Amino acid sequence: MAWTKYQLFLAGLMLVTGSINTLSAKWADNFMAEGCGGSKEHSFQHPFLQAVGMFLGEFSCLAAFYLLRCRAAGQSDSSVDPQQPFNPLLFLPPALCDMTGTSLMYVALNMTSASSFQMLRGAVIIFTGLFSVAFLGRRLVLSQWLGILATIAGLVVVGLADLLSKDDHQHKLSEVITGDLLIIMAQIIVAIQMVLEEKFVYKHNVHPLRAVGTEGLFGFVILSLLLVPMYYIPAGSFSGNPRGTLEDALDAFCQVGRQPLIAVALMGNISSIAFFNFAGISVTKELSATTRMVLDSLRTVVIWALSLALGWEAFHALQILGFLILLMGTALYNGLHRPLLGRLSRGRPPAEESEQERLLGGTRTPINDTS
């Protein structure tokens, strides 16, 4: 069935805003500017402040939810309201996981390339699958186990490409290794977040935009408060600011004042995450979760191609192999092979409604899939 103009718009919006989200964060990291008190010119490395901005973007999804509810107030559309009351504190544990995982990933993005960052995030499939078996009592089929094994192989190839890449003048080898490991660690936390959302949140049938916005509110408030002690905590070699602390928000604002393009990059990151969440949720509803997975894979290609074109990283053939293996693993895990096998065997195509809900091995789509 041919896509409507609205569906094409949603698919394009998800692809564009998802790519902008990662590229704008990396663009901000690449800027050099003077800080406060006449400090020397240095890189804009403020991952925790960037994470605060991302949660601000997620928080704005609450505004979209209430606009939709107002529009549906005079209609018989009950999809905007939950079917039963719920306690907003249910979102606190997933929000804490989201806050920790996001902060780790922004730290890692300072240490490795944007394409490796995006590809390594595919590791979430491994941990989501294992945790769903251990804590949700699910049973994975053979294709899902094969998908997990393929994903592991793809991660090894991508990591090997990073190790063998000698043309990356922006990052030392030790930084690249540390960054890659931090991304993998972050995916463990993201998988825990998905399991918590599946076990405690989804049964309340909360509208996805309201869920994203509520988690964004918790993350924004808590991480903003944590910026105060971070200003005083020494971080040694992990620090990217002249004071050597975990985060220096004042230094970040001084750098923004001296290089306004940093503000443009930060605004791109904040606004893109809000539109990306909205587009991703709408694509899953209007098309299918499989379509959302394919678009997310295309986003990796766009980020990789633009990073190469902008000279942010050097081409390495192993990354192509790693990406293809990761893509195969994701497709196997999400059952993308089943429609193809069904057509080849002249069987009945799988019911579309099953795809509307499945993204990660029979589980619901993660509430705030910011990848």
Protein backbone atom coordinates (compact mmCIF):
# COMPACT_ATOMS: atom_id res chain seq x y z
CA MET A 1 0.00 0.00 0.00
CA ALA A 2 1.36 3.40 -1.02
CA TRP A 3 2.24 5.88 1.69
CA THR A 4 0.18 9.02 2.12
CA LYS A 5 1.77 12.46 2.10
CA TYR A 6 1.37 12.65 5.86
CA GLN A 7 3.16 9.32 6.35
CA LEU A 8 5.99 10.44 4.07
CA PHE A 9 6.24 13.66 6.07
CA LEU A 10 6.46 11.74 9.35
CA ALA A 11 9.14 9.39 7.98
CA GLY A 12 11.17 12.33 6.66
CA LEU A 13 10.74 14.24 9.91
CA MET A 14 12.00 11.29 11.95
CA LEU A 15 15.00 10.75 9.67
CA VAL A 16 15.99 14.44 9.54
CA THR A 17 15.46 15.32 13.20
CA GLY A 18 17.11 12.10 14.38
CA SER A 19 20.19 12.88 12.31
CA ILE A 20 20.25 16.50 13.46
CA ASN A 21 20.11 15.37 17.10
CA THR A 22 23.42 13.49 16.98
CA LEU A 23 25.15 15.80 14.48
CA SER A 24 24.27 18.99 16.36
CA ALA A 25 25.66 17.53 19.61
CA LYS A 26 28.90 16.60 17.83
CA TRP A 27 29.02 20.01 16.13
CA ALA A 28 28.87 21.72 19.52
CA ASP A 29 31.69 19.46 20.78
CA ASN A 30 33.92 20.53 17.89
CA PHE A 31 33.81 24.27 18.71
CA MET A 32 36.73 26.04 20.39
CA ALA A 33 36.11 29.19 22.44
CA GLU A 34 37.44 31.09 25.44
CA GLY A 35 35.80 30.45 28.79
CA CYS A 36 35.20 32.59 31.87
CA GLY A 37 37.86 34.73 33.49
CA GLY A 38 39.97 35.04 30.37
CA SER A 39 40.77 31.30 30.21
CA LYS A 40 42.48 29.99 27.12
CA GLU A 41 40.52 28.81 24.10
CA HIS A 42 39.36 25.22 24.64
CA SER A 43 36.84 22.72 23.29
CA PHE A 44 33.19 22.91 24.25
CA GLN A 45 33.04 19.76 26.36
CA HIS A 46 30.00 20.04 28.60
CA PRO A 47 28.17 16.69 28.32
CA PHE A 48 26.01 17.08 31.41
CA LEU A 49 24.78 20.52 30.36
CA GLN A 50 23.98 19.07 26.93
CA ALA A 51 22.05 16.27 28.64
CA VAL A 52 20.03 18.92 30.51
CA GLY A 53 19.18 20.45 27.15
CA MET A 54 18.06 17.09 25.80
CA PHE A 55 15.71 16.60 28.77
CA LEU A 56 14.36 20.09 28.16
CA GLY A 57 13.50 18.95 24.63
CA GLU A 58 11.79 15.85 26.01
CA PHE A 59 9.93 17.98 28.56
CA SER A 60 8.47 20.02 25.69
CA CYS A 61 6.63 16.87 24.56
CA LEU A 62 4.24 17.55 27.46
CA ALA A 63 3.17 20.72 25.67
CA ALA A 64 2.47 18.69 22.52
CA PHE A 65 0.42 16.22 24.57
CA TYR A 66 -1.77 18.92 26.11
CA LEU A 67 -2.26 20.58 22.71
CA LEU A 68 -3.46 17.24 21.32
CA ARG A 69 -5.76 16.80 24.32
CA CYS A 70 -7.27 20.25 23.81
CA ARG A 71 -7.85 19.46 20.14
CA ALA A 72 -9.50 16.16 21.03
CA ALA A 73 -11.59 17.67 23.86
CA GLY A 74 -14.59 18.26 21.61
CA GLN A 75 -14.21 14.92 19.84
CA SER A 76 -14.78 11.32 20.89
CA ASP A 77 -11.03 10.57 20.83
CA SER A 78 -9.93 8.87 24.04
CA SER A 79 -6.41 8.01 22.82
CA VAL A 80 -4.95 11.16 24.35
CA ASP A 81 -5.99 10.35 27.92
CA PRO A 82 -4.89 7.33 29.99
CA GLN A 83 -7.55 4.70 30.58
CA GLN A 84 -6.81 4.67 34.30
CA PRO A 85 -5.19 7.07 36.80
CA PHE A 86 -1.47 6.67 37.39
CA ASN A 87 1.16 8.00 39.76
CA PRO A 88 3.67 10.26 37.94
CA LEU A 89 6.39 8.98 40.30
CA LEU A 90 6.23 5.73 38.32
CA PHE A 91 8.37 7.55 35.77
CA LEU A 92 11.08 8.44 38.29
CA PRO A 93 13.10 5.17 38.12
CA PRO A 94 13.10 5.10 34.27
CA ALA A 95 13.95 8.82 34.26
CA LEU A 96 16.96 8.19 36.53
CA CYS A 97 18.14 5.46 34.15
CA ASP A 98 17.57 7.78 31.19
CA MET A 99 19.50 10.56 32.93
CA THR A 100 22.47 8.30 33.69
CA GLY A 101 22.55 6.64 30.27
CA THR A 102 22.18 9.92 28.38
CA SER A 103 24.92 11.61 30.41
CA LEU A 104 27.29 8.71 29.76
CA MET A 105 26.55 8.86 26.04
CA TYR A 106 27.23 12.60 25.86
CA VAL A 107 30.54 12.05 27.67
CA ALA A 108 31.34 9.29 25.17
CA LEU A 109 30.45 11.48 22.19
CA ASN A 110 33.31 13.79 23.22
CA MET A 111 35.71 10.85 22.90
CA THR A 112 34.67 9.05 19.72
CA SER A 113 33.20 9.70 16.27
CA ALA A 114 29.52 10.39 15.64
CA SER A 115 29.15 7.35 13.36
CA SER A 116 30.70 4.92 15.87
CA PHE A 117 28.55 6.51 18.57
CA GLN A 118 25.40 5.82 16.55
CA MET A 119 26.39 2.29 15.52
CA LEU A 120 27.44 1.16 19.00
CA ARG A 121 24.07 2.20 20.38
CA GLY A 122 22.78 -0.91 18.61
CA ALA A 123 24.14 -2.86 21.60
CA VAL A 124 20.88 -2.08 23.39
CA ILE A 125 19.32 -5.07 21.59
CA ILE A 126 21.66 -7.48 23.39
CA PHE A 127 20.88 -6.27 26.88
CA THR A 128 17.18 -5.68 26.24
CA GLY A 129 16.83 -9.25 25.03
CA LEU A 130 18.71 -10.74 27.97
CA PHE A 131 16.91 -8.60 30.56
CA SER A 132 13.49 -9.36 29.06
CA VAL A 133 14.22 -13.07 29.52
CA ALA A 134 15.56 -12.62 33.06
CA PHE A 135 13.06 -10.11 34.46
CA LEU A 136 9.97 -10.19 32.22
CA GLY A 137 9.83 -13.95 31.72
CA ARG A 138 9.92 -13.74 27.94
CA ARG A 139 11.17 -16.48 25.66
CA LEU A 140 13.23 -15.43 22.67
CA VAL A 141 12.85 -17.31 19.41
CA LEU A 142 15.84 -18.60 17.42
CA SER A 143 15.94 -15.59 15.08
CA GLN A 144 16.19 -13.23 18.07
CA TRP A 145 19.13 -15.17 19.53
CA LEU A 146 20.78 -15.08 16.10
CA GLY A 147 20.11 -11.33 16.00
CA ILE A 148 21.84 -10.89 19.36
CA LEU A 149 24.86 -12.91 18.16
CA ALA A 150 25.03 -10.89 14.93
CA THR A 151 24.85 -7.66 16.92
CA ILE A 152 27.75 -8.78 19.11
CA ALA A 153 29.77 -9.58 15.98
CA GLY A 154 28.91 -6.19 14.47
CA LEU A 155 29.99 -4.37 17.63
CA VAL A 156 33.33 -6.20 17.56
CA VAL A 157 33.90 -5.15 13.93
CA VAL A 158 32.97 -1.50 14.62
CA GLY A 159 35.25 -1.46 17.67
CA LEU A 160 38.05 -2.98 15.61
CA ALA A 161 37.58 -0.27 12.99
CA ASP A 162 38.02 2.36 15.72
CA LEU A 163 41.18 0.65 16.97
CA LEU A 164 42.71 0.45 13.49
CA SER A 165 41.77 3.99 12.48
CA LYS A 166 44.98 6.03 12.59
CA ASP A 167 43.64 9.12 10.84
CA ASP A 168 41.51 10.43 13.71
CA HIS A 169 43.40 13.53 14.81
CA GLN A 170 40.60 14.69 17.13
CA HIS A 171 40.75 11.77 19.57
CA LYS A 172 43.54 9.73 21.12
CA LEU A 173 43.28 5.94 20.92
CA SER A 174 42.74 5.71 24.69
CA GLU A 175 39.88 8.22 24.43
CA VAL A 176 38.25 6.26 21.60
CA ILE A 177 38.41 2.99 23.57
CA THR A 178 37.02 4.67 26.69
CA GLY A 179 34.27 6.35 24.69
CA ASP A 180 33.23 3.11 23.01
CA LEU A 181 33.11 1.30 26.36
CA LEU A 182 31.02 4.11 27.89
CA ILE A 183 28.51 3.79 25.04
CA ILE A 184 28.19 0.05 25.69
CA MET A 185 27.76 0.71 29.43
CA ALA A 186 25.09 3.29 28.65
CA GLN A 187 23.13 0.72 26.62
CA ILE A 188 22.98 -1.56 29.68
CA ILE A 189 21.34 1.28 31.59
CA VAL A 190 18.98 2.03 28.66
CA ALA A 191 17.97 -1.65 28.59
CA ILE A 192 17.19 -1.47 32.33
CA GLN A 193 15.08 1.61 31.59
CA MET A 194 13.13 -0.30 28.92
CA VAL A 195 12.47 -3.21 31.28
CA LEU A 196 11.26 -0.82 34.02
CA GLU A 197 8.95 0.94 31.56
CA GLU A 198 7.59 -2.38 30.32
CA LYS A 199 7.01 -3.82 33.80
CA PHE A 200 5.63 -0.82 35.69
CA VAL A 201 4.58 1.93 33.26
CA TYR A 202 2.99 0.49 30.10
CA LYS A 203 0.21 -1.33 31.98
CA HIS A 204 -1.25 2.10 32.76
CA ASN A 205 -1.61 2.87 29.05
CA VAL A 206 -0.08 6.33 29.36
CA HIS A 207 0.06 8.32 26.13
CA PRO A 208 3.65 8.15 24.78
CA LEU A 209 4.04 11.93 24.48
CA ARG A 210 2.93 12.34 28.10
CA ALA A 211 5.37 9.61 29.14
CA VAL A 212 8.29 11.22 27.29
CA GLY A 213 7.43 14.64 28.70
CA THR A 214 7.10 13.38 32.28
CA GLU A 215 10.45 11.59 32.16
CA GLY A 216 11.93 14.71 30.57
CA LEU A 217 10.59 16.81 33.46
CA PHE A 218 12.20 14.53 36.06
CA GLY A 219 15.48 14.37 34.16
CA PHE A 220 15.61 18.13 33.59
CA VAL A 221 14.95 19.05 37.24
CA ILE A 222 17.25 16.43 38.80
CA LEU A 223 20.19 16.91 36.43
CA SER A 224 19.90 20.71 36.64
CA LEU A 225 20.21 20.48 40.43
CA LEU A 226 23.17 18.10 40.08
CA LEU A 227 25.04 20.69 38.02
CA VAL A 228 25.70 22.56 41.29
CA PRO A 229 27.76 19.82 43.04
CA MET A 230 29.32 18.87 39.69
CA TYR A 231 30.81 22.38 39.59
CA TYR A 232 32.98 21.46 42.58
CA ILE A 233 33.72 17.73 42.02
CA PRO A 234 37.21 17.18 40.52
CA ALA A 235 37.21 14.87 37.49
CA GLY A 236 40.87 14.73 36.45
CA SER A 237 41.42 13.62 32.86
CA PHE A 238 37.66 13.16 32.31
CA SER A 239 37.12 16.90 32.68
CA GLY A 240 36.91 19.07 29.59
CA ASN A 241 36.92 22.44 31.34
CA PRO A 242 39.86 24.54 32.64
CA ARG A 243 38.86 24.05 36.29
CA GLY A 244 39.13 20.27 35.96
CA THR A 245 35.70 19.63 37.49
CA LEU A 246 32.98 17.21 36.44
CA GLU A 247 30.95 20.01 34.87
CA ASP A 248 31.32 23.78 34.69
CA ALA A 249 28.05 25.28 33.48
CA LEU A 250 29.36 28.84 33.92
CA ASP A 251 32.26 28.08 31.59
CA ALA A 252 29.76 26.69 29.07
CA PHE A 253 27.68 29.89 29.11
CA CYS A 254 30.82 32.00 28.71
CA GLN A 255 31.85 29.93 25.70
CA VAL A 256 28.37 30.30 24.21
CA GLY A 257 28.63 34.07 24.66
CA ARG A 258 31.95 34.16 22.80
CA GLN A 259 30.88 31.72 20.06
CA PRO A 260 27.15 32.13 19.27
CA LEU A 261 27.19 29.17 16.87
CA ILE A 262 27.41 26.90 19.91
CA ALA A 263 23.98 28.19 20.92
CA VAL A 264 22.69 27.29 17.44
CA ALA A 265 24.03 23.74 17.85
CA LEU A 266 22.49 23.41 21.32
CA MET A 267 19.12 24.69 20.12
CA GLY A 268 19.25 22.21 17.24
CA ASN A 269 19.86 19.42 19.74
CA ILE A 270 17.04 20.52 22.05
CA SER A 271 14.41 21.05 19.35
CA SER A 272 15.33 17.97 17.31
CA ILE A 273 14.85 15.54 20.21
CA ALA A 274 11.30 16.81 20.75
CA PHE A 275 10.34 16.47 17.08
CA PHE A 276 12.18 13.13 16.82
CA ASN A 277 10.19 11.64 19.69
CA PHE A 278 6.91 12.90 18.22
CA ALA A 279 7.78 11.62 14.73
CA GLY A 280 8.99 8.24 16.04
CA ILE A 281 5.80 7.66 18.03
CA SER A 282 3.67 8.73 15.06
CA VAL A 283 5.59 6.49 12.61
CA THR A 284 5.01 3.48 14.88
CA LYS A 285 1.29 4.33 15.04
CA GLU A 286 0.71 5.29 11.39
CA LEU A 287 3.05 2.77 9.73
CA SER A 288 4.78 0.12 11.85
CA ALA A 289 7.54 -0.43 14.39
CA THR A 290 9.55 -2.15 11.66
CA THR A 291 9.40 1.02 9.55
CA ARG A 292 10.67 2.96 12.55
CA MET A 293 13.58 0.52 12.92
CA VAL A 294 14.48 0.86 9.22
CA LEU A 295 14.38 4.67 9.44
CA ASP A 296 16.59 4.54 12.52
CA SER A 297 19.12 2.48 10.53
CA LEU A 298 18.97 5.00 7.69
CA ARG A 299 19.69 7.70 10.27
CA THR A 300 22.99 5.98 11.03
CA VAL A 301 23.89 6.11 7.32
CA VAL A 302 23.03 9.83 7.12
CA ILE A 303 25.12 10.63 10.21
CA TRP A 304 28.04 8.61 8.89
CA ALA A 305 27.91 10.17 5.41
CA LEU A 306 27.68 13.75 6.71
CA SER A 307 30.48 13.15 9.24
CA LEU A 308 32.72 11.99 6.39
CA ALA A 309 31.68 14.91 4.16
CA LEU A 310 32.36 17.44 6.93
CA GLY A 311 35.77 15.93 7.65
CA TRP A 312 34.87 15.00 11.22
CA GLU A 313 36.21 11.48 10.72
CA ALA A 314 38.14 9.36 8.23
CA PHE A 315 36.65 6.60 6.10
CA HIS A 316 37.31 3.05 7.26
CA ALA A 317 36.03 0.09 5.21
CA LEU A 318 35.54 -2.05 8.32
CA GLN A 319 32.79 0.32 9.45
CA ILE A 320 30.72 -0.66 6.40
CA LEU A 321 31.05 -4.33 7.31
CA GLY A 322 30.27 -3.62 10.96
CA PHE A 323 27.20 -1.55 10.07
CA LEU A 324 25.85 -4.25 7.72
CA ILE A 325 26.28 -6.93 10.39
CA LEU A 326 24.57 -4.69 12.98
CA LEU A 327 21.75 -4.04 10.51
CA MET A 328 21.32 -7.78 9.95
CA GLY A 329 21.26 -8.37 13.71
CA THR A 330 18.63 -5.69 14.24
CA ALA A 331 16.51 -7.05 11.38
CA LEU A 332 16.68 -10.62 12.73
CA TYR A 333 15.85 -9.53 16.28
CA ASN A 334 12.87 -7.46 15.19
CA GLY A 335 11.52 -10.11 12.82
CA LEU A 336 12.04 -8.16 9.61
CA HIS A 337 12.92 -11.43 7.86
CA ARG A 338 9.44 -12.88 8.43
CA PRO A 339 7.55 -10.86 5.75
CA LEU A 340 10.29 -11.70 3.25
CA LEU A 341 10.14 -15.40 4.06
CA GLY A 342 6.36 -15.25 3.99
CA ARG A 343 6.37 -13.83 0.45
CA LEU A 344 8.96 -16.35 -0.73
CA SER A 345 6.92 -19.24 0.63
CA ARG A 346 3.68 -17.69 -0.74
CA GLY A 347 2.28 -17.69 2.74
CA ARG A 348 -0.01 -15.13 4.19
CA PRO A 349 1.70 -11.84 5.11
CA PRO A 350 1.92 -11.24 8.86
CA ALA A 351 -0.80 -9.12 10.36
CA GLU A 352 0.11 -5.44 10.29
CA GLU A 353 -1.30 -4.85 13.73
CA SER A 354 1.40 -7.05 15.28
CA GLU A 355 4.02 -4.73 13.83
CA GLN A 356 2.35 -1.68 15.30
CA GLU A 357 3.37 -2.73 18.80
CA ARG A 358 6.62 -4.68 18.32
CA LEU A 359 10.02 -3.10 18.11
CA LEU A 360 12.31 -5.00 20.44
CA GLY A 361 11.44 -8.66 20.41
CA GLY A 362 7.79 -8.46 21.30
CA THR A 363 8.21 -5.64 23.80
CA ARG A 364 6.71 -2.20 23.47
CA THR A 365 8.72 0.63 21.95
CA PRO A 366 10.90 2.34 24.58
CA ILE A 367 9.11 5.43 25.83
CA ASN A 368 11.85 7.87 24.94
CA ASP A 369 13.85 6.17 22.22
CA THR A 370 16.44 8.98 21.64
CA SER A 371 18.84 7.07 19.71
